[in-house]
């Protein structure tokens, strides 16, 4: 038994022929090529009415996330990433070795004084 339905499956009522003339006006475009240091190329299109100054000089590569530029022979270099610093590394940047020794001695004296006071109260 055949079902009652549309003769063309997947189409909707009022749908016309498919083609560029029916889809609307295609704006003029400018294509720019961007190259990353890993050799990836992306070619985004911009509207032809956009000023050259508004087109970005660098974009992030969608493949690897590194910066990509318009010069194929000289893609942007990877910015130097500093490794994660521990709290101790930041403290060493702020304090000299002599200051660290003085602070340590002061902390040890404070602890000794507390322990001596606690021993007297017992």
C-alpha atoms as a PDB file:
ATOM      1  CA  UNK A   1       0.000   0.000   0.000  1.00  0.00           C
ATOM      2  CA  UNK A   2       1.454   3.343  -0.959  1.00  0.00           C
ATOM      3  CA  UNK A   3       1.234   6.236   1.435  1.00  0.00           C
ATOM      4  CA  UNK A   4      -0.273   9.536   0.532  1.00  0.00           C
ATOM      5  CA  UNK A   5       2.304  12.277   0.605  1.00  0.00           C
ATOM      6  CA  UNK A   6       4.556  14.543  -1.357  1.00  0.00           C
ATOM      7  CA  UNK A   7       5.787  13.237  -4.672  1.00  0.00           C
ATOM      8  CA  UNK A   8       9.217  14.715  -3.910  1.00  0.00           C
ATOM      9  CA  UNK A   9      10.448  13.632  -0.509  1.00  0.00           C
ATOM     10  CA  UNK A  10      12.266  16.173   1.599  1.00  0.00           C
ATOM     11  CA  UNK A  11      10.893  19.219  -0.168  1.00  0.00           C
ATOM     12  CA  UNK A  12       8.515  21.713   1.342  1.00  0.00           C
ATOM     13  CA  UNK A  13       5.504  23.401  -0.110  1.00  0.00           C
ATOM     14  CA  UNK A  14       6.452  26.416  -2.181  1.00  0.00           C
ATOM     15  CA  UNK A  15      10.063  25.401  -2.632  1.00  0.00           C
ATOM     16  CA  UNK A  16      11.346  26.500  -6.014  1.00  0.00           C
ATOM     17  CA  UNK A  17      14.252  25.394  -8.142  1.00  0.00           C
ATOM     18  CA  UNK A  18      17.690  25.471  -6.539  1.00  0.00           C
ATOM     19  CA  UNK A  19      20.237  27.774  -8.082  1.00  0.00           C
ATOM     20  CA  UNK A  20      22.334  30.891  -7.476  1.00  0.00           C
ATOM     21  CA  UNK A  21      19.846  33.186  -9.209  1.00  0.00           C
ATOM     22  CA  UNK A  22      17.200  32.194  -6.677  1.00  0.00           C
ATOM     23  CA  UNK A  23      19.398  32.489  -3.596  1.00  0.00           C
ATOM     24  CA  UNK A  24      20.076  36.187  -3.837  1.00  0.00           C
ATOM     25  CA  UNK A  25      22.907  38.552  -4.636  1.00  0.00           C
ATOM     26  CA  UNK A  26      26.449  37.430  -3.909  1.00  0.00           C
ATOM     27  CA  UNK A  27      28.540  40.351  -2.638  1.00  0.00           C
ATOM     28  CA  UNK A  28      32.014  41.002  -4.013  1.00  0.00           C
ATOM     29  CA  UNK A  29      34.718  39.515  -1.848  1.00  0.00           C
ATOM     30  CA  UNK A  30      38.434  39.785  -1.280  1.00  0.00           C
ATOM     31  CA  UNK A  31      40.393  36.676  -0.308  1.00  0.00           C
ATOM     32  CA  UNK A  32      43.437  36.946   1.920  1.00  0.00           C
ATOM     33  CA  UNK A  33      45.779  34.044   2.647  1.00  0.00           C
ATOM     34  CA  UNK A  34      47.250  33.571   6.132  1.00  0.00           C
ATOM     35  CA  UNK A  35      50.202  31.265   6.868  1.00  0.00           C
ATOM     36  CA  UNK A  36      51.284  29.902  10.252  1.00  0.00           C
ATOM     37  CA  UNK A  37      54.725  28.616  11.203  1.00  0.00           C
ATOM     38  CA  UNK A  38      53.495  24.992  10.976  1.00  0.00           C
ATOM     39  CA  UNK A  39      52.636  25.435   7.286  1.00  0.00           C
ATOM     40  CA  UNK A  40      48.864  25.660   7.679  1.00  0.00           C
ATOM     41  CA  UNK A  41      47.096  27.970   5.230  1.00  0.00           C
ATOM     42  CA  UNK A  42      43.719  29.578   5.717  1.00  0.00           C
ATOM     43  CA  UNK A  43      41.990  31.777   3.172  1.00  0.00           C
ATOM     44  CA  UNK A  44      39.189  33.828   4.738  1.00  0.00           C
ATOM     45  CA  UNK A  45      37.119  36.100   2.539  1.00  0.00           C
ATOM     46  CA  UNK A  46      36.264  39.683   3.422  1.00  0.00           C
ATOM     47  CA  UNK A  47      33.745  42.025   1.843  1.00  0.00           C
ATOM     48  CA  UNK A  48      35.292  44.116  -0.938  1.00  0.00           C
ATOM     49  CA  UNK A  49      33.892  47.241   0.698  1.00  0.00           C
ATOM     50  CA  UNK A  50      36.032  46.756   3.835  1.00  0.00           C
ATOM     51  CA  UNK A  51      39.030  49.109   4.124  1.00  0.00           C
ATOM     52  CA  UNK A  52      42.447  47.475   3.884  1.00  0.00           C
ATOM     53  CA  UNK A  53      43.304  48.824   7.365  1.00  0.00           C
ATOM     54  CA  UNK A  54      40.373  46.894   8.854  1.00  0.00           C
ATOM     55  CA  UNK A  55      41.551  43.521   7.530  1.00  0.00           C
ATOM     56  CA  UNK A  56      43.549  41.875  10.341  1.00  0.00           C
ATOM     57  CA  UNK A  57      47.300  41.534   9.859  1.00  0.00           C
ATOM     58  CA  UNK A  58      47.382  38.321  11.916  1.00  0.00           C
ATOM     59  CA  UNK A  59      44.808  35.657  12.725  1.00  0.00           C
ATOM     60  CA  UNK A  60      44.921  32.616  14.985  1.00  0.00           C
ATOM     61  CA  UNK A  61      45.379  29.411  12.994  1.00  0.00           C
ATOM     62  CA  UNK A  62      42.249  27.237  13.371  1.00  0.00           C
ATOM     63  CA  UNK A  63      44.376  24.067  13.159  1.00  0.00           C
ATOM     64  CA  UNK A  64      47.073  24.688  15.753  1.00  0.00           C
ATOM     65  CA  UNK A  65      46.111  27.978  17.452  1.00  0.00           C
ATOM     66  CA  UNK A  66      49.388  29.722  16.624  1.00  0.00           C
ATOM     67  CA  UNK A  67      49.419  33.183  15.033  1.00  0.00           C
ATOM     68  CA  UNK A  68      49.314  33.283  11.235  1.00  0.00           C
ATOM     69  CA  UNK A  69      50.247  36.189   8.969  1.00  0.00           C
ATOM     70  CA  UNK A  70      49.909  37.159   5.340  1.00  0.00           C
ATOM     71  CA  UNK A  71      53.610  36.782   4.470  1.00  0.00           C
ATOM     72  CA  UNK A  72      54.184  33.194   3.312  1.00  0.00           C
ATOM     73  CA  UNK A  73      57.978  33.385   3.607  1.00  0.00           C
ATOM     74  CA  UNK A  74      57.964  34.949   7.090  1.00  0.00           C
ATOM     75  CA  UNK A  75      55.062  33.646   9.183  1.00  0.00           C
ATOM     76  CA  UNK A  76      54.778  35.090  12.706  1.00  0.00           C
ATOM     77  CA  UNK A  77      57.088  33.486  15.225  1.00  0.00           C
ATOM     78  CA  UNK A  78      55.791  31.791  18.314  1.00  0.00           C
ATOM     79  CA  UNK A  79      55.744  34.111  21.288  1.00  0.00           C
ATOM     80  CA  UNK A  80      58.041  32.878  24.024  1.00  0.00           C
ATOM     81  CA  UNK A  81      55.960  31.214  26.695  1.00  0.00           C
ATOM     82  CA  UNK A  82      57.271  31.434  30.204  1.00  0.00           C
ATOM     83  CA  UNK A  83      56.932  28.224  32.159  1.00  0.00           C
ATOM     84  CA  UNK A  84      54.681  28.073  35.180  1.00  0.00           C
ATOM     85  CA  UNK A  85      56.303  29.770  38.147  1.00  0.00           C
ATOM     86  CA  UNK A  86      55.941  28.483  41.662  1.00  0.00           C
ATOM     87  CA  UNK A  87      55.347  30.718  44.650  1.00  0.00           C
ATOM     88  CA  UNK A  88      58.977  30.236  45.610  1.00  0.00           C
ATOM     89  CA  UNK A  89      60.134  31.529  42.203  1.00  0.00           C
ATOM     90  CA  UNK A  90      58.118  34.720  42.666  1.00  0.00           C
ATOM     91  CA  UNK A  91      59.497  35.154  46.195  1.00  0.00           C
ATOM     92  CA  UNK A  92      63.061  34.738  44.893  1.00  0.00           C
ATOM     93  CA  UNK A  93      62.401  37.495  42.348  1.00  0.00           C
ATOM     94  CA  UNK A  94      61.369  39.909  45.111  1.00  0.00           C
ATOM     95  CA  UNK A  95      63.911  39.038  47.806  1.00  0.00           C
ATOM     96  CA  UNK A  96      67.699  38.814  47.896  1.00  0.00           C
ATOM     97  CA  UNK A  97      69.450  35.898  49.558  1.00  0.00           C
ATOM     98  CA  UNK A  98      70.386  38.086  52.550  1.00  0.00           C
ATOM     99  CA  UNK A  99      66.773  39.190  53.035  1.00  0.00           C
ATOM    100  CA  UNK A 100      65.635  35.563  52.889  1.00  0.00           C
ATOM    101  CA  UNK A 101      68.119  34.542  55.586  1.00  0.00           C
ATOM    102  CA  UNK A 102      67.037  37.460  57.813  1.00  0.00           C
ATOM    103  CA  UNK A 103      63.335  36.581  57.399  1.00  0.00           C
ATOM    104  CA  UNK A 104      64.017  32.916  58.149  1.00  0.00           C
ATOM    105  CA  UNK A 105      65.945  33.781  61.303  1.00  0.00           C
ATOM    106  CA  UNK A 106      63.139  36.077  62.432  1.00  0.00           C
ATOM    107  CA  UNK A 107      60.534  33.330  61.857  1.00  0.00           C
ATOM    108  CA  UNK A 108      62.618  30.751  63.729  1.00  0.00           C
ATOM    109  CA  UNK A 109      63.059  33.145  66.683  1.00  0.00           C
ATOM    110  CA  UNK A 110      59.284  33.770  66.779  1.00  0.00           C
ATOM    111  CA  UNK A 111      58.567  30.026  66.878  1.00  0.00           C
ATOM    112  CA  UNK A 112      61.183  29.457  69.603  1.00  0.00           C
ATOM    113  CA  UNK A 113      59.679  32.256  71.699  1.00  0.00           C
ATOM    114  CA  UNK A 114      56.157  30.761  71.327  1.00  0.00           C
ATOM    115  CA  UNK A 115      57.361  27.310  72.312  1.00  0.00           C
ATOM    116  CA  UNK A 116      59.217  28.678  75.325  1.00  0.00           C
ATOM    117  CA  UNK A 117      56.098  30.583  76.430  1.00  0.00           C
ATOM    118  CA  UNK A 118      53.945  27.471  75.974  1.00  0.00           C
ATOM    119  CA  UNK A 119      56.407  25.384  77.999  1.00  0.00           C
ATOM    120  CA  UNK A 120      56.315  27.896  80.892  1.00  0.00           C
ATOM    121  CA  UNK A 121      52.489  27.821  81.012  1.00  0.00           C
ATOM    122  CA  UNK A 122      52.331  24.062  81.387  1.00  0.00           C
END
